[in-house]
Amino acid sequence: MTEHVLVHLSTGPVRGRRLDGHSSFHALPYAAPPLAELRWRAPAR
């Protein structure tokens, strides 16, 4: 049986699903690729 999961992170809530004891989260936002002036710099939010 599929159960909906809501996890609260410091950046906001993330929705996922739990099935057979495993949680999965899809379409999570990631940082922009380090191109041009972002290349070789520390990651930023």
C-alpha atoms as a PDB file:
ATOM      1  CA  MET A   1       0.000   0.000   0.000  1.00  0.00           C
ATOM      2  CA  THR A   2       1.356   3.429  -0.939  1.00  0.00           C
ATOM      3  CA  GLU A   3       1.536   6.044   1.802  1.00  0.00           C
ATOM      4  CA  HIS A   4       2.219   9.730   1.153  1.00  0.00           C
ATOM      5  CA  VAL A   5       5.133  11.210   3.110  1.00  0.00           C
ATOM      6  CA  LEU A   6       5.859  14.859   3.921  1.00  0.00           C
ATOM      7  CA  VAL A   7       9.357  15.717   5.165  1.00  0.00           C
ATOM      8  CA  HIS A   8      10.202  19.182   6.488  1.00  0.00           C
ATOM      9  CA  LEU A   9      13.677  20.403   5.537  1.00  0.00           C
ATOM     10  CA  SER A  10      15.336  23.714   6.345  1.00  0.00           C
ATOM     11  CA  THR A  11      14.562  24.803   2.749  1.00  0.00           C
ATOM     12  CA  GLY A  12      10.907  23.766   2.912  1.00  0.00           C
ATOM     13  CA  PRO A  13       8.654  20.718   2.714  1.00  0.00           C
ATOM     14  CA  VAL A  14       9.300  17.793   0.346  1.00  0.00           C
ATOM     15  CA  ARG A  15       6.601  15.287  -0.627  1.00  0.00           C
ATOM     16  CA  GLY A  16       7.275  11.647  -1.341  1.00  0.00           C
ATOM     17  CA  ARG A  17       5.782   8.182  -1.126  1.00  0.00           C
ATOM     18  CA  ARG A  18       6.438   5.150   1.028  1.00  0.00           C
ATOM     19  CA  LEU A  19       5.859   1.692  -0.411  1.00  0.00           C
ATOM     20  CA  ASP A  20       6.864  -1.594   1.220  1.00  0.00           C
ATOM     21  CA  GLY A  21       8.984   0.209   3.829  1.00  0.00           C
ATOM     22  CA  HIS A  22      10.921   2.314   1.292  1.00  0.00           C
ATOM     23  CA  SER A  23      10.533   6.070   0.847  1.00  0.00           C
ATOM     24  CA  SER A  24      11.064   7.715  -2.541  1.00  0.00           C
ATOM     25  CA  PHE A  25      11.226  11.376  -3.500  1.00  0.00           C
ATOM     26  CA  HIS A  26      11.107  12.514  -7.148  1.00  0.00           C
ATOM     27  CA  ALA A  27      11.649  15.854  -8.912  1.00  0.00           C
ATOM     28  CA  LEU A  28      13.789  17.349  -6.151  1.00  0.00           C
ATOM     29  CA  PRO A  29      15.225  20.754  -7.066  1.00  0.00           C
ATOM     30  CA  TYR A  30      19.012  20.930  -7.327  1.00  0.00           C
ATOM     31  CA  ALA A  31      21.474  23.775  -7.710  1.00  0.00           C
ATOM     32  CA  ALA A  32      22.140  25.349 -11.086  1.00  0.00           C
ATOM     33  CA  PRO A  33      25.110  23.860 -12.983  1.00  0.00           C
ATOM     34  CA  PRO A  34      28.429  25.614 -12.332  1.00  0.00           C
ATOM     35  CA  LEU A  35      28.864  27.415 -15.638  1.00  0.00           C
ATOM     36  CA  ALA A  36      30.798  30.573 -16.558  1.00  0.00           C
ATOM     37  CA  GLU A  37      31.451  32.694 -13.435  1.00  0.00           C
ATOM     38  CA  LEU A  38      30.143  29.944 -11.139  1.00  0.00           C
ATOM     39  CA  ARG A  39      32.871  27.545 -12.257  1.00  0.00           C
ATOM     40  CA  TRP A  40      35.370  26.629  -9.507  1.00  0.00           C
ATOM     41  CA  ARG A  41      33.434  28.495  -6.800  1.00  0.00           C
ATOM     42  CA  ALA A  42      31.957  27.019  -3.640  1.00  0.00           C
ATOM     43  CA  PRO A  43      28.329  25.844  -3.938  1.00  0.00           C
ATOM     44  CA  ALA A  44      25.616  28.329  -3.020  1.00  0.00           C
ATOM     45  CA  ARG A  45      21.956  27.880  -2.134  1.00  0.00           C
END
